[in-house]
Amino acid sequence: MGSLQEQLLKAGLTTAHQARVAKSEKRKQQKKKKGATSDPSDLQKHIEQTKLAQQQKADELNQARLAEQHQKEQIARAKQILAHHKQEAVRGNTTFNFVYEGKVKELEVNDSTRQALAKGRLAICVLEGQFYVLQDEPARKIAAIEESFIVMHAIDDEQKPDADDPYADYEIPDDLMW
């Protein structure tokens, strides 16, 4: 004996066309069952997890963009302060040495500027590879923006040295060049 379809065809109760349509419908139903998840709540959970992951990624990108924008604003503020307060009449024949990124750098300044730098009345600031000489107050403003912009700012005379300093009794001469 054959399948029920074959028996119905032989008996004349159905046609070959109806058998093919029924067979294709049955195949479509089986494909739907295979493709669909067994539990619709699993699909919903997967959708929620995907949305949450996308939201977290978007938030991280937004935070990075905001941090970059904040950094650009800080640099613009520092540039504005430098443009307004930089000392133009500091160039001279005397070399002032300072340490920047582990290397000794030189700046050609006049004698009064060298003394002011040594006493802390002036500071050296760097922005985008260029060194600037600033007075104490603008240098403190730039340090408040970003500490790494200040290269050299000597301690004021008003501040007292440590009590444990073994060289506290020895005064550093003003004309010392290193």
N, C-alpha and C. Protein backbone atom coordinates (compact mmCIF):
# COMPACT_ATOMS: atom_id res chain seq x y z
N MET A 1 0.82 -1.19 0.00
CA MET A 1 0.00 0.00 0.00
C MET A 1 0.86 1.24 0.00
N GLY A 2 0.45 2.24 -0.71
CA GLY A 2 1.16 3.51 -0.81
C GLY A 2 0.64 4.50 0.21
N SER A 3 0.99 5.68 -0.01
CA SER A 3 0.56 6.74 0.90
C SER A 3 -0.92 7.04 0.70
N LEU A 4 -1.46 7.76 1.59
CA LEU A 4 -2.88 8.12 1.53
C LEU A 4 -3.16 8.93 0.27
N GLN A 5 -2.20 9.79 -0.11
CA GLN A 5 -2.38 10.60 -1.32
C GLN A 5 -2.52 9.71 -2.56
N GLU A 6 -1.63 8.73 -2.64
CA GLU A 6 -1.69 7.82 -3.80
C GLU A 6 -3.01 7.07 -3.83
N GLN A 7 -3.49 6.63 -2.68
CA GLN A 7 -4.75 5.89 -2.62
C GLN A 7 -5.92 6.77 -3.05
N LEU A 8 -5.90 8.05 -2.62
CA LEU A 8 -6.98 8.96 -3.00
C LEU A 8 -6.93 9.26 -4.50
N LEU A 9 -5.72 9.36 -5.07
CA LEU A 9 -5.58 9.58 -6.51
C LEU A 9 -6.13 8.40 -7.31
N LYS A 10 -5.83 7.18 -6.86
CA LYS A 10 -6.30 5.99 -7.55
C LYS A 10 -7.82 5.86 -7.46
N ALA A 11 -8.35 6.23 -6.32
CA ALA A 11 -9.79 6.13 -6.14
C ALA A 11 -10.52 7.24 -6.90
N GLY A 12 -9.78 8.29 -7.35
CA GLY A 12 -10.39 9.37 -8.10
C GLY A 12 -11.03 10.44 -7.22
N LEU A 13 -10.70 10.43 -5.94
CA LEU A 13 -11.28 11.41 -5.03
C LEU A 13 -10.53 12.75 -5.05
N THR A 14 -9.34 12.76 -5.63
CA THR A 14 -8.56 13.99 -5.72
C THR A 14 -7.82 14.01 -7.06
N THR A 15 -7.26 15.20 -7.39
CA THR A 15 -6.52 15.32 -8.65
C THR A 15 -5.04 15.46 -8.35
N ALA A 16 -4.19 15.32 -9.34
CA ALA A 16 -2.74 15.45 -9.17
C ALA A 16 -2.37 16.88 -8.76
N HIS A 17 -3.11 17.85 -9.29
CA HIS A 17 -2.86 19.25 -8.94
C HIS A 17 -3.12 19.48 -7.46
N GLN A 18 -4.23 18.98 -6.95
CA GLN A 18 -4.56 19.15 -5.53
C GLN A 18 -3.52 18.46 -4.65
N ALA A 19 -2.96 17.34 -5.09
CA ALA A 19 -1.95 16.62 -4.33
C ALA A 19 -0.66 17.45 -4.25
N ARG A 20 -0.29 18.04 -5.37
CA ARG A 20 0.93 18.88 -5.36
C ARG A 20 0.75 20.09 -4.45
N VAL A 21 -0.40 20.74 -4.52
CA VAL A 21 -0.67 21.91 -3.67
C VAL A 21 -0.62 21.52 -2.20
N ALA A 22 -1.22 20.39 -1.85
CA ALA A 22 -1.22 19.93 -0.46
C ALA A 22 0.20 19.62 0.00
N LYS A 23 1.02 19.04 -0.89
CA LYS A 23 2.39 18.69 -0.55
C LYS A 23 3.22 19.96 -0.31
N SER A 24 3.05 20.95 -1.18
CA SER A 24 3.80 22.20 -1.00
C SER A 24 3.37 22.94 0.26
N GLU A 25 2.09 22.92 0.58
CA GLU A 25 1.60 23.55 1.81
C GLU A 25 2.21 22.88 3.03
N LYS A 26 2.27 21.54 2.98
CA LYS A 26 2.83 20.80 4.10
C LYS A 26 4.31 21.16 4.29
N ARG A 27 5.05 21.27 3.17
CA ARG A 27 6.46 21.64 3.23
C ARG A 27 6.63 23.05 3.80
N LYS A 28 5.77 23.99 3.40
CA LYS A 28 5.83 25.37 3.92
C LYS A 28 5.59 25.39 5.42
N GLN A 29 4.65 24.61 5.87
CA GLN A 29 4.35 24.56 7.31
C GLN A 29 5.55 24.02 8.09
N GLN A 30 6.21 23.01 7.54
CA GLN A 30 7.38 22.45 8.23
C GLN A 30 8.53 23.46 8.28
N LYS A 31 8.73 24.21 7.20
CA LYS A 31 9.78 25.23 7.19
C LYS A 31 9.50 26.31 8.22
N LYS A 32 8.24 26.70 8.35
CA LYS A 32 7.87 27.72 9.34
C LYS A 32 8.18 27.23 10.74
N LYS A 33 7.91 25.97 11.00
CA LYS A 33 8.16 25.42 12.32
C LYS A 33 9.66 25.39 12.61
N LYS A 34 10.48 25.04 11.61
CA LYS A 34 11.92 25.00 11.80
C LYS A 34 12.49 26.40 12.01
N GLY A 35 12.04 27.37 11.24
CA GLY A 35 12.56 28.74 11.29
C GLY A 35 12.17 29.48 12.54
N ALA A 36 11.01 29.22 13.06
CA ALA A 36 10.53 29.94 14.25
C ALA A 36 11.20 29.38 15.50
N THR A 37 11.41 30.26 16.49
CA THR A 37 11.99 29.79 17.75
C THR A 37 10.93 29.03 18.50
N SER A 38 11.40 28.23 19.38
CA SER A 38 10.46 27.41 20.13
C SER A 38 9.65 28.25 21.12
N ASP A 39 10.26 29.37 21.59
CA ASP A 39 9.57 30.20 22.58
C ASP A 39 9.65 31.66 22.12
N PRO A 40 8.52 32.31 21.94
CA PRO A 40 8.57 33.70 21.48
C PRO A 40 9.22 34.65 22.50
N SER A 41 9.24 34.29 23.78
CA SER A 41 9.87 35.15 24.78
C SER A 41 11.39 35.16 24.59
N ASP A 42 11.99 34.08 24.07
CA ASP A 42 13.42 34.06 23.78
C ASP A 42 13.76 35.10 22.72
N LEU A 43 12.92 35.19 21.71
CA LEU A 43 13.13 36.18 20.65
C LEU A 43 13.04 37.59 21.23
N GLN A 44 12.08 37.81 22.09
CA GLN A 44 11.89 39.12 22.73
C GLN A 44 13.11 39.47 23.59
N LYS A 45 13.63 38.49 24.32
CA LYS A 45 14.81 38.72 25.15
C LYS A 45 16.01 39.08 24.28
N HIS A 46 16.17 38.38 23.18
CA HIS A 46 17.28 38.65 22.26
C HIS A 46 17.17 40.06 21.69
N ILE A 47 15.98 40.47 21.33
CA ILE A 47 15.76 41.82 20.80
C ILE A 47 16.11 42.87 21.85
N GLU A 48 15.69 42.65 23.08
CA GLU A 48 15.98 43.59 24.17
C GLU A 48 17.49 43.68 24.43
N GLN A 49 18.18 42.53 24.42
CA GLN A 49 19.62 42.52 24.64
C GLN A 49 20.34 43.28 23.53
N THR A 50 19.90 43.09 22.30
CA THR A 50 20.51 43.78 21.17
C THR A 50 20.30 45.28 21.29
N LYS A 51 19.10 45.69 21.64
CA LYS A 51 18.83 47.12 21.81
C LYS A 51 19.68 47.71 22.94
N LEU A 52 19.81 46.96 24.03
CA LEU A 52 20.61 47.43 25.17
C LEU A 52 22.08 47.58 24.77
N ALA A 53 22.60 46.60 24.03
CA ALA A 53 24.00 46.67 23.58
C ALA A 53 24.21 47.86 22.64
N GLN A 54 23.26 48.09 21.75
CA GLN A 54 23.36 49.23 20.84
C GLN A 54 23.32 50.55 21.60
N GLN A 55 22.48 50.63 22.62
CA GLN A 55 22.37 51.84 23.42
C GLN A 55 23.67 52.10 24.19
N GLN A 56 24.26 51.03 24.75
CA GLN A 56 25.51 51.19 25.48
C GLN A 56 26.63 51.66 24.55
N LYS A 57 26.69 51.10 23.36
CA LYS A 57 27.71 51.50 22.40
C LYS A 57 27.52 52.96 22.00
N ALA A 58 26.28 53.37 21.79
CA ALA A 58 25.99 54.76 21.44
C ALA A 58 26.38 55.69 22.59
N ASP A 59 26.12 55.28 23.82
CA ASP A 59 26.50 56.09 24.98
C ASP A 59 28.01 56.24 25.09
N GLU A 60 28.75 55.14 24.86
CA GLU A 60 30.21 55.20 24.91
C GLU A 60 30.75 56.14 23.85
N LEU A 61 30.22 56.05 22.64
CA LEU A 61 30.66 56.94 21.57
C LEU A 61 30.34 58.39 21.90
N ASN A 62 29.18 58.62 22.49
CA ASN A 62 28.79 59.97 22.88
C ASN A 62 29.72 60.52 23.96
N GLN A 63 30.07 59.67 24.94
CA GLN A 63 30.99 60.11 26.00
C GLN A 63 32.36 60.45 25.41
N ALA A 64 32.83 59.63 24.48
CA ALA A 64 34.13 59.89 23.86
C ALA A 64 34.08 61.20 23.07
N ARG A 65 32.98 61.43 22.38
CA ARG A 65 32.83 62.67 21.60
C ARG A 65 32.79 63.88 22.53
N LEU A 66 32.08 63.75 23.65
CA LEU A 66 32.01 64.85 24.61
C LEU A 66 33.39 65.13 25.23
N ALA A 67 34.15 64.07 25.54
CA ALA A 67 35.48 64.25 26.11
C ALA A 67 36.40 64.94 25.11
N GLU A 68 36.31 64.56 23.85
CA GLU A 68 37.12 65.19 22.82
C GLU A 68 36.74 66.67 22.66
N GLN A 69 35.46 66.95 22.70
CA GLN A 69 34.99 68.33 22.58
C GLN A 69 35.47 69.15 23.79
N HIS A 70 35.42 68.56 24.98
CA HIS A 70 35.87 69.25 26.19
C HIS A 70 37.37 69.55 26.09
N GLN A 71 38.15 68.59 25.58
CA GLN A 71 39.58 68.80 25.42
C GLN A 71 39.86 69.94 24.44
N LYS A 72 39.11 69.99 23.35
CA LYS A 72 39.28 71.07 22.37
C LYS A 72 38.94 72.43 22.99
N GLU A 73 37.89 72.45 23.81
CA GLU A 73 37.51 73.69 24.48
C GLU A 73 38.61 74.14 25.45
N GLN A 74 39.20 73.20 26.17
CA GLN A 74 40.27 73.54 27.12
C GLN A 74 41.47 74.10 26.38
N ILE A 75 41.83 73.50 25.26
CA ILE A 75 42.96 73.99 24.47
C ILE A 75 42.66 75.38 23.93
N ALA A 76 41.42 75.60 23.49
CA ALA A 76 41.04 76.92 22.99
C ALA A 76 41.12 77.97 24.10
N ARG A 77 40.68 77.62 25.32
CA ARG A 77 40.79 78.55 26.44
C ARG A 77 42.24 78.87 26.74
N ALA A 78 43.10 77.84 26.73
CA ALA A 78 44.52 78.05 27.01
C ALA A 78 45.15 78.93 25.92
N LYS A 79 44.78 78.70 24.67
CA LYS A 79 45.29 79.53 23.57
C LYS A 79 44.88 80.99 23.75
N GLN A 80 43.65 81.19 24.18
CA GLN A 80 43.16 82.55 24.39
C GLN A 80 43.95 83.24 25.50
N ILE A 81 44.19 82.54 26.60
CA ILE A 81 44.97 83.11 27.70
C ILE A 81 46.39 83.40 27.24
N LEU A 82 46.99 82.47 26.50
CA LEU A 82 48.36 82.67 26.02
C LEU A 82 48.45 83.85 25.06
N ALA A 83 47.48 83.97 24.17
CA ALA A 83 47.51 85.07 23.20
C ALA A 83 47.39 86.42 23.91
N HIS A 84 46.63 86.45 24.98
CA HIS A 84 46.40 87.71 25.68
C HIS A 84 47.53 88.07 26.64
N HIS A 85 48.18 87.07 27.25
CA HIS A 85 49.12 87.34 28.34
C HIS A 85 50.57 86.98 28.05
N LYS A 86 50.90 86.51 26.86
CA LYS A 86 52.29 86.10 26.64
C LYS A 86 53.21 87.31 26.67
N GLN A 87 54.43 87.09 27.16
CA GLN A 87 55.42 88.14 27.30
C GLN A 87 56.23 88.22 26.01
N GLU A 88 56.21 89.37 25.37
CA GLU A 88 56.91 89.55 24.10
C GLU A 88 58.35 90.01 24.29
N ALA A 89 58.61 90.79 25.33
CA ALA A 89 59.93 91.40 25.51
C ALA A 89 60.83 90.55 26.39
N VAL A 90 60.79 89.24 26.23
CA VAL A 90 61.60 88.37 27.08
C VAL A 90 62.84 87.86 26.37
N ARG A 91 62.95 88.03 25.09
CA ARG A 91 64.08 87.51 24.32
C ARG A 91 65.34 88.29 24.65
N GLY A 92 66.43 87.54 24.73
CA GLY A 92 67.70 88.19 25.03
C GLY A 92 68.86 87.26 24.71
N ASN A 93 70.01 87.56 25.32
CA ASN A 93 71.23 86.80 25.03
C ASN A 93 71.53 85.74 26.08
N THR A 94 70.81 85.73 27.19
CA THR A 94 71.07 84.78 28.26
C THR A 94 70.26 83.51 28.02
N THR A 95 70.90 82.37 28.24
CA THR A 95 70.22 81.09 28.05
C THR A 95 69.61 80.64 29.37
N PHE A 96 68.33 80.28 29.33
CA PHE A 96 67.65 79.73 30.50
C PHE A 96 67.34 78.28 30.18
N ASN A 97 67.86 77.36 31.01
CA ASN A 97 67.66 75.93 30.80
C ASN A 97 66.53 75.42 31.68
N PHE A 98 65.74 74.51 31.13
CA PHE A 98 64.66 73.88 31.88
C PHE A 98 64.44 72.49 31.30
N VAL A 99 63.77 71.65 32.07
CA VAL A 99 63.54 70.27 31.66
C VAL A 99 62.13 70.14 31.11
N TYR A 100 62.04 69.54 29.93
CA TYR A 100 60.74 69.29 29.30
C TYR A 100 60.76 67.89 28.72
N GLU A 101 59.87 67.05 29.19
CA GLU A 101 59.73 65.65 28.75
C GLU A 101 61.05 64.90 28.85
N GLY A 102 61.76 65.11 29.95
CA GLY A 102 63.00 64.38 30.19
C GLY A 102 64.21 64.91 29.45
N LYS A 103 64.06 66.02 28.77
CA LYS A 103 65.18 66.61 28.02
C LYS A 103 65.39 68.04 28.49
N VAL A 104 66.63 68.47 28.47
CA VAL A 104 66.94 69.85 28.85
C VAL A 104 66.73 70.73 27.62
N LYS A 105 65.89 71.71 27.79
CA LYS A 105 65.60 72.66 26.71
C LYS A 105 66.19 74.01 27.08
N GLU A 106 66.45 74.81 26.06
CA GLU A 106 67.01 76.14 26.26
C GLU A 106 66.05 77.19 25.74
N LEU A 107 66.04 78.31 26.43
CA LEU A 107 65.23 79.45 26.01
C LEU A 107 66.10 80.69 26.13
N GLU A 108 66.21 81.44 25.05
CA GLU A 108 67.02 82.66 25.05
C GLU A 108 66.19 83.79 25.64
N VAL A 109 66.61 84.28 26.81
CA VAL A 109 65.87 85.33 27.50
C VAL A 109 66.84 86.42 27.95
N ASN A 110 66.29 87.54 28.41
CA ASN A 110 67.14 88.59 28.97
C ASN A 110 67.37 88.31 30.46
N ASP A 111 68.24 89.08 31.08
CA ASP A 111 68.62 88.82 32.47
C ASP A 111 67.45 88.97 33.44
N SER A 112 66.65 90.00 33.25
CA SER A 112 65.52 90.20 34.18
C SER A 112 64.49 89.07 34.05
N THR A 113 64.29 88.59 32.86
CA THR A 113 63.36 87.48 32.67
C THR A 113 63.90 86.21 33.32
N ARG A 114 65.19 85.96 33.18
CA ARG A 114 65.80 84.78 33.81
C ARG A 114 65.64 84.82 35.32
N GLN A 115 65.84 86.00 35.92
CA GLN A 115 65.68 86.12 37.36
C GLN A 115 64.22 85.93 37.77
N ALA A 116 63.31 86.47 36.97
CA ALA A 116 61.88 86.33 37.28
C ALA A 116 61.45 84.87 37.14
N LEU A 117 61.98 84.16 36.17
CA LEU A 117 61.67 82.74 36.01
C LEU A 117 62.20 81.94 37.20
N ALA A 118 63.40 82.27 37.66
CA ALA A 118 64.00 81.57 38.78
C ALA A 118 63.25 81.82 40.08
N LYS A 119 62.70 83.02 40.24
CA LYS A 119 61.99 83.37 41.47
C LYS A 119 60.52 82.98 41.45
N GLY A 120 60.00 82.58 40.31
CA GLY A 120 58.61 82.13 40.25
C GLY A 120 57.62 83.20 39.84
N ARG A 121 58.13 84.38 39.48
CA ARG A 121 57.22 85.44 39.03
C ARG A 121 56.76 85.20 37.60
N LEU A 122 57.54 84.45 36.84
CA LEU A 122 57.17 84.07 35.48
C LEU A 122 57.19 82.55 35.37
N ALA A 123 56.48 82.03 34.38
CA ALA A 123 56.42 80.59 34.16
C ALA A 123 56.57 80.31 32.68
N ILE A 124 56.97 79.08 32.38
CA ILE A 124 57.08 78.65 30.99
C ILE A 124 55.95 77.66 30.72
N CYS A 125 55.24 77.94 29.65
CA CYS A 125 54.10 77.11 29.26
C CYS A 125 54.34 76.58 27.85
N VAL A 126 53.85 75.39 27.56
CA VAL A 126 53.98 74.83 26.22
C VAL A 126 52.59 74.48 25.70
N LEU A 127 52.36 74.82 24.45
CA LEU A 127 51.11 74.44 23.80
C LEU A 127 51.43 74.19 22.33
N GLU A 128 51.12 73.00 21.90
CA GLU A 128 51.33 72.58 20.52
C GLU A 128 52.79 72.75 20.10
N GLY A 129 53.70 72.41 21.01
CA GLY A 129 55.12 72.41 20.70
C GLY A 129 55.80 73.76 20.78
N GLN A 130 55.10 74.80 21.14
CA GLN A 130 55.68 76.14 21.23
C GLN A 130 55.71 76.57 22.69
N PHE A 131 56.84 77.17 23.11
CA PHE A 131 57.03 77.61 24.48
C PHE A 131 56.65 79.08 24.62
N TYR A 132 55.98 79.39 25.73
CA TYR A 132 55.54 80.75 26.02
C TYR A 132 56.01 81.11 27.43
N VAL A 133 56.34 82.38 27.64
CA VAL A 133 56.68 82.89 28.97
C VAL A 133 55.50 83.72 29.44
N LEU A 134 54.98 83.35 30.62
CA LEU A 134 53.80 84.01 31.17
C LEU A 134 54.07 84.50 32.58
N GLN A 135 53.29 85.48 32.99
CA GLN A 135 53.33 85.92 34.38
C GLN A 135 52.67 84.87 35.26
N ASP A 136 52.81 85.04 36.56
CA ASP A 136 52.35 84.05 37.53
C ASP A 136 50.84 83.80 37.45
N GLU A 137 50.04 84.85 37.44
CA GLU A 137 48.58 84.69 37.47
C GLU A 137 48.02 83.97 36.24
N PRO A 138 48.37 84.37 35.01
CA PRO A 138 47.88 83.60 33.86
C PRO A 138 48.39 82.16 33.83
N ALA A 139 49.60 81.95 34.35
CA ALA A 139 50.14 80.59 34.41
C ALA A 139 49.31 79.72 35.35
N ARG A 140 48.86 80.31 36.44
CA ARG A 140 48.00 79.56 37.36
C ARG A 140 46.64 79.25 36.72
N LYS A 141 46.14 80.18 35.91
CA LYS A 141 44.87 79.92 35.20
C LYS A 141 45.03 78.77 34.22
N ILE A 142 46.15 78.75 33.51
CA ILE A 142 46.39 77.67 32.56
C ILE A 142 46.60 76.35 33.30
N ALA A 143 47.27 76.39 34.44
CA ALA A 143 47.46 75.18 35.24
C ALA A 143 46.12 74.65 35.74
N ALA A 144 45.18 75.55 36.01
CA ALA A 144 43.84 75.11 36.43
C ALA A 144 43.12 74.42 35.28
N ILE A 145 43.37 74.86 34.07
CA ILE A 145 42.76 74.23 32.90
C ILE A 145 43.37 72.85 32.67
N GLU A 146 44.69 72.82 32.54
CA GLU A 146 45.40 71.56 32.30
C GLU A 146 46.80 71.71 32.84
N GLU A 147 47.15 70.91 33.83
CA GLU A 147 48.43 71.00 34.51
C GLU A 147 49.60 70.71 33.57
N SER A 148 49.38 69.87 32.57
CA SER A 148 50.48 69.47 31.68
C SER A 148 50.93 70.60 30.75
N PHE A 149 50.16 71.68 30.64
CA PHE A 149 50.57 72.80 29.79
C PHE A 149 51.71 73.61 30.43
N ILE A 150 51.83 73.55 31.75
CA ILE A 150 52.88 74.30 32.45
C ILE A 150 54.14 73.45 32.48
N VAL A 151 55.20 73.98 31.90
CA VAL A 151 56.47 73.26 31.84
C VAL A 151 57.32 73.56 33.06
N MET A 152 57.44 74.83 33.41
CA MET A 152 58.30 75.24 34.51
C MET A 152 57.68 76.43 35.21
N HIS A 153 57.47 76.27 36.50
CA HIS A 153 56.97 77.36 37.33
C HIS A 153 57.65 77.19 38.68
N ALA A 154 58.59 78.06 38.99
CA ALA A 154 59.38 77.93 40.22
C ALA A 154 58.52 78.20 41.44
N ILE A 155 58.96 77.69 42.56
CA ILE A 155 58.26 77.90 43.84
C ILE A 155 58.48 79.35 44.26
N ASP A 156 57.42 79.97 44.76
CA ASP A 156 57.53 81.35 45.24
C ASP A 156 58.47 81.43 46.44
N ASP A 157 59.06 82.62 46.61
CA ASP A 157 59.94 82.84 47.77
C ASP A 157 59.16 82.75 49.07
N GLU A 158 57.87 83.02 49.03
CA GLU A 158 57.05 83.03 50.24
C GLU A 158 56.87 81.63 50.82
N GLN A 159 56.96 80.60 49.98
CA GLN A 159 56.81 79.25 50.47
C GLN A 159 58.09 78.81 51.16
N LYS A 160 57.94 78.16 52.29
CA LYS A 160 59.09 77.75 53.08
C LYS A 160 59.53 76.34 52.66
N PRO A 161 60.83 76.07 52.67
CA PRO A 161 61.30 74.73 52.31
C PRO A 161 60.96 73.71 53.40
N ASP A 162 61.08 72.44 53.07
CA ASP A 162 60.80 71.36 54.02
C ASP A 162 61.76 71.44 55.21
N ALA A 163 61.29 71.02 56.37
CA ALA A 163 62.11 71.00 57.57
C ALA A 163 63.16 69.89 57.46
N ASP A 164 62.90 68.84 56.67
CA ASP A 164 63.81 67.72 56.53
C ASP A 164 64.86 67.94 55.44
N ASP A 165 64.83 69.07 54.77
CA ASP A 165 65.75 69.33 53.68
C ASP A 165 67.16 69.55 54.23
N PRO A 166 68.13 68.68 53.84
CA PRO A 166 69.49 68.84 54.38
C PRO A 166 70.21 70.06 53.82
N TYR A 167 69.73 70.60 52.72
CA TYR A 167 70.37 71.76 52.11
C TYR A 167 69.61 73.06 52.37
N ALA A 168 68.75 73.07 53.35
CA ALA A 168 67.94 74.24 53.64
C ALA A 168 68.79 75.43 54.09
N ASP A 169 69.94 75.17 54.72
CA ASP A 169 70.79 76.25 55.20
C ASP A 169 71.62 76.89 54.09
N TYR A 170 71.66 76.25 52.91
CA TYR A 170 72.47 76.75 51.81
C TYR A 170 71.60 77.51 50.83
N GLU A 171 71.98 78.73 50.58
CA GLU A 171 71.21 79.56 49.66
C GLU A 171 71.72 79.33 48.24
N ILE A 172 70.81 79.26 47.28
CA ILE A 172 71.17 79.08 45.88
C ILE A 172 71.48 80.46 45.30
N PRO A 173 72.65 80.64 44.73
CA PRO A 173 72.97 81.95 44.18
C PRO A 173 72.10 82.29 42.98
N ASP A 174 71.79 83.57 42.83
CA ASP A 174 70.93 84.01 41.74
C ASP A 174 71.60 83.86 40.37
N ASP A 175 72.89 83.94 40.34
CA ASP A 175 73.57 83.90 39.05
C ASP A 175 74.00 82.48 38.65
N LEU A 176 73.50 81.47 39.34
CA LEU A 176 73.85 80.08 39.03
C LEU A 176 73.26 79.68 37.67
N MET A 177 74.13 79.22 36.80
CA MET A 177 73.70 78.77 35.47
C MET A 177 73.99 77.28 35.39
N TRP A 178 73.05 76.49 34.99
CA TRP A 178 73.29 75.05 34.82
C TRP A 178 73.02 74.62 33.43
